[in-house]
C-alpha atoms as a PDB file:
ATOM      1  CA  MET A   1     199.112 109.100 141.835  1.00  0.00           C
ATOM      2  CA  THR A   2     195.650 110.371 140.807  1.00  0.00           C
ATOM      3  CA  ASP A   3     193.493 108.196 138.666  1.00  0.00           C
ATOM      4  CA  PRO A   4     193.175 110.338 135.257  1.00  0.00           C
ATOM      5  CA  GLN A   5     189.144 109.066 134.829  1.00  0.00           C
ATOM      6  CA  VAL A   6     188.153 110.900 138.411  1.00  0.00           C
ATOM      7  CA  PRO A   7     187.092 114.273 137.893  1.00  0.00           C
ATOM      8  CA  VAL A   8     188.976 116.993 139.622  1.00  0.00           C
ATOM      9  CA  ALA A   9     187.541 119.791 141.850  1.00  0.00           C
ATOM     10  CA  VAL A  10     188.167 122.753 140.414  1.00  0.00           C
ATOM     11  CA  VAL A  11     188.051 126.205 142.980  1.00  0.00           C
ATOM     12  CA  HIS A  12     187.717 129.370 141.806  1.00  0.00           C
ATOM     13  CA  ASN A  13     190.297 131.312 143.981  1.00  0.00           C
ATOM     14  CA  GLN A  14     188.937 135.123 143.014  1.00  0.00           C
ATOM     15  CA  PRO A  15     191.516 136.628 145.396  1.00  0.00           C
ATOM     16  CA  ALA A  16     194.241 135.479 143.226  1.00  0.00           C
ATOM     17  CA  GLN A  17     192.323 135.807 140.151  1.00  0.00           C
ATOM     18  CA  ARG A  18     192.559 132.064 138.796  1.00  0.00           C
ATOM     19  CA  PHE A  19     190.964 128.563 138.820  1.00  0.00           C
ATOM     20  CA  GLU A  20     192.903 125.865 140.424  1.00  0.00           C
ATOM     21  CA  VAL A  21     193.146 122.222 141.639  1.00  0.00           C
ATOM     22  CA  VAL A  22     195.919 120.798 143.243  1.00  0.00           C
ATOM     23  CA  VAL A  23     196.870 116.990 142.314  1.00  0.00           C
ATOM     24  CA  ASP A  24     199.480 115.067 143.421  1.00  0.00           C
ATOM     25  CA  GLY A  25     200.253 117.955 145.669  1.00  0.00           C
ATOM     26  CA  LEU A  26     201.038 119.938 142.303  1.00  0.00           C
ATOM     27  CA  LEU A  27     198.919 123.097 141.657  1.00  0.00           C
ATOM     28  CA  CYS A  28     197.466 123.287 138.314  1.00  0.00           C
ATOM     29  CA  ARG A  29     195.618 126.954 137.147  1.00  0.00           C
ATOM     30  CA  ALA A  30     193.851 129.220 134.749  1.00  0.00           C
ATOM     31  CA  ASP A  31     194.795 132.515 135.657  1.00  0.00           C
ATOM     32  CA  TYR A  32     192.570 135.784 134.245  1.00  0.00           C
ATOM     33  CA  GLU A  33     192.486 139.457 134.797  1.00  0.00           C
ATOM     34  CA  ARG A  34     188.751 140.699 135.724  1.00  0.00           C
ATOM     35  CA  ASP A  35     187.753 143.992 133.675  1.00  0.00           C
ATOM     36  CA  GLY A  36     184.127 145.030 134.557  1.00  0.00           C
ATOM     37  CA  ASP A  37     181.977 142.253 132.968  1.00  0.00           C
ATOM     38  CA  THR A  38     185.288 140.589 131.152  1.00  0.00           C
ATOM     39  CA  LEU A  39     187.541 137.771 132.300  1.00  0.00           C
ATOM     40  CA  ARG A  40     191.095 137.737 130.646  1.00  0.00           C
ATOM     41  CA  PHE A  41     192.608 134.666 130.687  1.00  0.00           C
ATOM     42  CA  HIS A  42     196.012 135.244 130.036  1.00  0.00           C
ATOM     43  CA  HIS A  43     197.863 131.829 131.628  1.00  0.00           C
ATOM     44  CA  THR A  44     197.043 128.151 131.936  1.00  0.00           C
ATOM     45  CA  GLU A  45     199.437 125.859 133.785  1.00  0.00           C
ATOM     46  CA  VAL A  46     199.600 121.980 134.276  1.00  0.00           C
ATOM     47  CA  PRO A  47     202.725 120.686 135.797  1.00  0.00           C
ATOM     48  CA  PRO A  48     204.328 118.414 133.344  1.00  0.00           C
ATOM     49  CA  ALA A  49     204.502 115.720 135.644  1.00  0.00           C
ATOM     50  CA  LEU A  50     200.432 116.103 135.356  1.00  0.00           C
ATOM     51  CA  GLY A  51     200.097 116.248 131.490  1.00  0.00           C
ATOM     52  CA  GLY A  52     197.857 113.973 129.521  1.00  0.00           C
ATOM     53  CA  ARG A  53     194.928 113.811 132.548  1.00  0.00           C
ATOM     54  CA  GLY A  54     192.594 116.705 131.242  1.00  0.00           C
ATOM     55  CA  ILE A  55     193.408 118.747 133.819  1.00  0.00           C
ATOM     56  CA  ALA A  56     193.871 122.017 131.802  1.00  0.00           C
ATOM     57  CA  ALA A  57     190.507 121.297 130.124  1.00  0.00           C
ATOM     58  CA  ALA A  58     188.670 120.426 133.353  1.00  0.00           C
ATOM     59  CA  LEU A  59     190.230 124.165 134.384  1.00  0.00           C
ATOM     60  CA  VAL A  60     189.061 125.864 131.387  1.00  0.00           C
ATOM     61  CA  ARG A  61     185.606 124.015 131.232  1.00  0.00           C
ATOM     62  CA  ALA A  62     185.014 125.078 135.116  1.00  0.00           C
ATOM     63  CA  ALA A  63     186.144 128.769 134.071  1.00  0.00           C
ATOM     64  CA  LEU A  64     184.097 129.243 130.966  1.00  0.00           C
ATOM     65  CA  ASP A  65     180.908 127.577 133.101  1.00  0.00           C
ATOM     66  CA  HIS A  66     181.701 130.433 135.990  1.00  0.00           C
ATOM     67  CA  ALA A  67     181.699 132.982 133.040  1.00  0.00           C
ATOM     68  CA  GLN A  68     178.452 131.905 131.605  1.00  0.00           C
ATOM     69  CA  ALA A  69     176.735 131.509 134.813  1.00  0.00           C
ATOM     70  CA  ASN A  70     177.609 134.902 135.870  1.00  0.00           C
ATOM     71  CA  GLY A  71     176.769 136.576 132.318  1.00  0.00           C
ATOM     72  CA  LEU A  72     180.577 137.461 131.891  1.00  0.00           C
ATOM     73  CA  HIS A  73     182.552 137.606 128.407  1.00  0.00           C
ATOM     74  CA  VAL A  74     185.786 135.822 127.619  1.00  0.00           C
ATOM     75  CA  VAL A  75     188.838 137.241 126.093  1.00  0.00           C
ATOM     76  CA  PRO A  76     191.194 134.175 125.563  1.00  0.00           C
ATOM     77  CA  ALA A  77     194.551 135.753 125.551  1.00  0.00           C
ATOM     78  CA  CYS A  78     196.011 132.570 126.733  1.00  0.00           C
ATOM     79  CA  SER A  79     196.918 129.911 123.936  1.00  0.00           C
ATOM     80  CA  TYR A  80     195.219 126.974 125.630  1.00  0.00           C
ATOM     81  CA  VAL A  81     192.074 128.441 126.311  1.00  0.00           C
ATOM     82  CA  ARG A  82     191.643 130.173 122.596  1.00  0.00           C
ATOM     83  CA  THR A  83     192.284 126.434 121.275  1.00  0.00           C
ATOM     84  CA  TYR A  84     189.703 125.014 124.016  1.00  0.00           C
ATOM     85  CA  MET A  85     187.224 127.324 122.929  1.00  0.00           C
ATOM     86  CA  GLN A  86     187.847 126.952 119.161  1.00  0.00           C
ATOM     87  CA  ARG A  87     187.057 123.164 119.721  1.00  0.00           C
ATOM     88  CA  HIS A  88     183.878 124.173 121.739  1.00  0.00           C
ATOM     89  CA  PRO A  89     181.649 126.468 119.562  1.00  0.00           C
ATOM     90  CA  GLU A  90     179.124 126.306 122.386  1.00  0.00           C
ATOM     91  CA  THR A  91     181.674 128.330 124.367  1.00  0.00           C
ATOM     92  CA  HIS A  92     181.659 131.463 121.292  1.00  0.00           C
ATOM     93  CA  ALA A  93     178.780 133.282 122.621  1.00  0.00           C
ATOM     94  CA  LEU A  94     181.029 133.827 125.717  1.00  0.00           C
ATOM     95  CA  LEU A  95     183.319 136.333 123.288  1.00  0.00           C
ATOM     96  CA  PRO A  96     182.886 139.863 123.948  1.00  0.00           C
ATOM     97  CA  PRO A  97     181.293 141.930 121.034  1.00  0.00           C
ATOM     98  CA  GLY A  98     184.149 142.424 118.357  1.00  0.00           C
ATOM     99  CA  VAL A  99     186.627 139.634 119.457  1.00  0.00           C
ATOM    100  CA  SER A 100     187.163 136.561 117.530  1.00  0.00           C
ATOM    101  CA  LEU A 101     189.275 133.494 117.910  1.00  0.00           C
END
Protein backbone atom coordinates (compact mmCIF):
# COMPACT_ATOMS: atom_id res chain seq x y z
CA MET A 1 0.00 0.00 0.00
CA THR A 2 1.19 3.52 -0.78
CA ASP A 3 2.14 5.72 2.19
CA PRO A 4 -0.26 8.70 2.18
CA GLN A 5 2.60 11.00 3.19
CA VAL A 6 4.64 10.20 0.07
CA PRO A 7 3.97 12.66 -2.78
CA VAL A 8 2.60 11.15 -5.97
CA ALA A 9 4.21 11.79 -9.36
CA VAL A 10 1.43 13.29 -11.49
CA VAL A 11 1.85 12.93 -15.26
CA HIS A 12 0.28 15.20 -17.88
CA ASN A 13 -1.16 12.82 -20.49
CA GLN A 14 -1.82 15.36 -23.27
CA PRO A 15 -3.20 12.88 -25.85
CA ALA A 16 -5.84 11.74 -23.32
CA GLN A 17 -6.36 15.34 -22.07
CA ARG A 18 -5.86 14.50 -18.43
CA PHE A 19 -3.49 14.64 -15.50
CA GLU A 20 -2.99 11.19 -14.02
CA VAL A 21 -1.18 9.03 -11.56
CA VAL A 22 -1.31 5.29 -10.93
CA VAL A 23 -1.37 4.37 -7.24
CA ASP A 24 -1.47 0.76 -6.09
CA GLY A 25 -2.25 -0.23 -9.69
CA LEU A 26 -5.29 2.07 -9.88
CA LEU A 27 -5.63 5.04 -12.23
CA CYS A 28 -6.46 8.42 -10.70
CA ARG A 29 -7.19 11.32 -13.04
CA ALA A 30 -8.31 14.89 -13.65
CA ASP A 31 -9.82 15.18 -17.13
CA TYR A 32 -10.02 18.38 -19.18
CA GLU A 33 -10.89 19.71 -22.60
CA ARG A 34 -8.64 22.35 -24.12
CA ASP A 35 -10.10 25.25 -26.06
CA GLY A 36 -7.41 27.71 -27.14
CA ASP A 37 -5.78 29.02 -24.00
CA THR A 38 -8.39 27.50 -21.66
CA LEU A 39 -8.49 24.15 -19.88
CA ARG A 40 -12.03 23.13 -18.90
CA PHE A 41 -11.78 20.53 -16.12
CA HIS A 42 -14.89 18.37 -16.20
CA HIS A 43 -14.02 15.28 -14.14
CA THR A 44 -11.73 14.24 -11.30
CA GLU A 45 -11.66 10.59 -10.24
CA VAL A 46 -9.85 8.71 -7.50
CA PRO A 47 -10.99 5.13 -6.81
CA PRO A 48 -12.69 4.80 -3.39
CA ALA A 49 -9.96 2.45 -2.17
CA LEU A 50 -7.50 5.36 -2.43
CA GLY A 51 -9.68 8.01 -0.83
CA GLY A 52 -8.33 10.23 1.93
CA ARG A 53 -4.74 10.26 0.73
CA GLY A 54 -4.76 13.68 -0.91
CA ILE A 55 -4.42 12.23 -4.40
CA ALA A 56 -7.21 14.33 -5.94
CA ALA A 57 -5.65 17.47 -4.46
CA ALA A 58 -2.25 16.49 -5.88
CA LEU A 59 -3.80 15.98 -9.33
CA VAL A 60 -5.55 19.35 -9.28
CA ARG A 61 -2.52 21.15 -7.85
CA ALA A 62 -0.34 19.72 -10.67
CA ALA A 63 -2.94 20.68 -13.28
CA LEU A 64 -3.25 24.25 -11.99
CA ASP A 65 0.53 24.59 -11.74
CA HIS A 66 0.74 23.50 -15.39
CA ALA A 67 -1.91 26.03 -16.40
CA GLN A 68 -0.13 28.83 -14.58
CA ALA A 69 3.28 27.92 -16.00
CA ASN A 70 1.85 27.92 -19.52
CA GLY A 71 -0.31 31.04 -19.34
CA LEU A 72 -3.58 29.09 -19.55
CA HIS A 73 -6.97 29.82 -18.04
CA VAL A 74 -8.94 27.23 -16.08
CA VAL A 75 -12.69 26.67 -16.07
CA PRO A 76 -13.60 24.48 -13.07
CA ALA A 77 -16.63 22.60 -14.46
CA CYS A 78 -15.79 19.71 -12.11
CA SER A 79 -17.10 20.23 -8.58
CA TYR A 80 -13.85 19.01 -7.00
CA VAL A 81 -11.73 21.45 -9.04
CA ARG A 82 -14.18 24.26 -8.22
CA THR A 83 -14.01 23.48 -4.48
CA TYR A 84 -10.21 23.25 -4.60
CA MET A 85 -9.99 26.65 -6.28
CA GLN A 86 -12.45 28.17 -3.80
CA ARG A 87 -10.18 27.00 -0.96
CA HIS A 88 -7.04 28.33 -2.67
CA PRO A 89 -7.49 32.02 -3.54
CA GLU A 90 -4.05 32.10 -5.17
CA THR A 91 -5.60 30.08 -8.04
CA HIS A 92 -8.35 32.61 -8.82
CA ALA A 93 -6.12 34.45 -11.31
CA LEU A 94 -6.37 31.36 -13.54
CA LEU A 95 -10.08 31.95 -14.15
CA PRO A 96 -10.92 33.46 -17.53
CA PRO A 97 -12.53 36.91 -17.55
CA GLY A 98 -16.20 36.67 -16.62
CA VAL A 99 -15.94 33.28 -14.90
CA SER A 100 -16.38 33.12 -11.15
CA LEU A 101 -16.39 30.37 -8.56
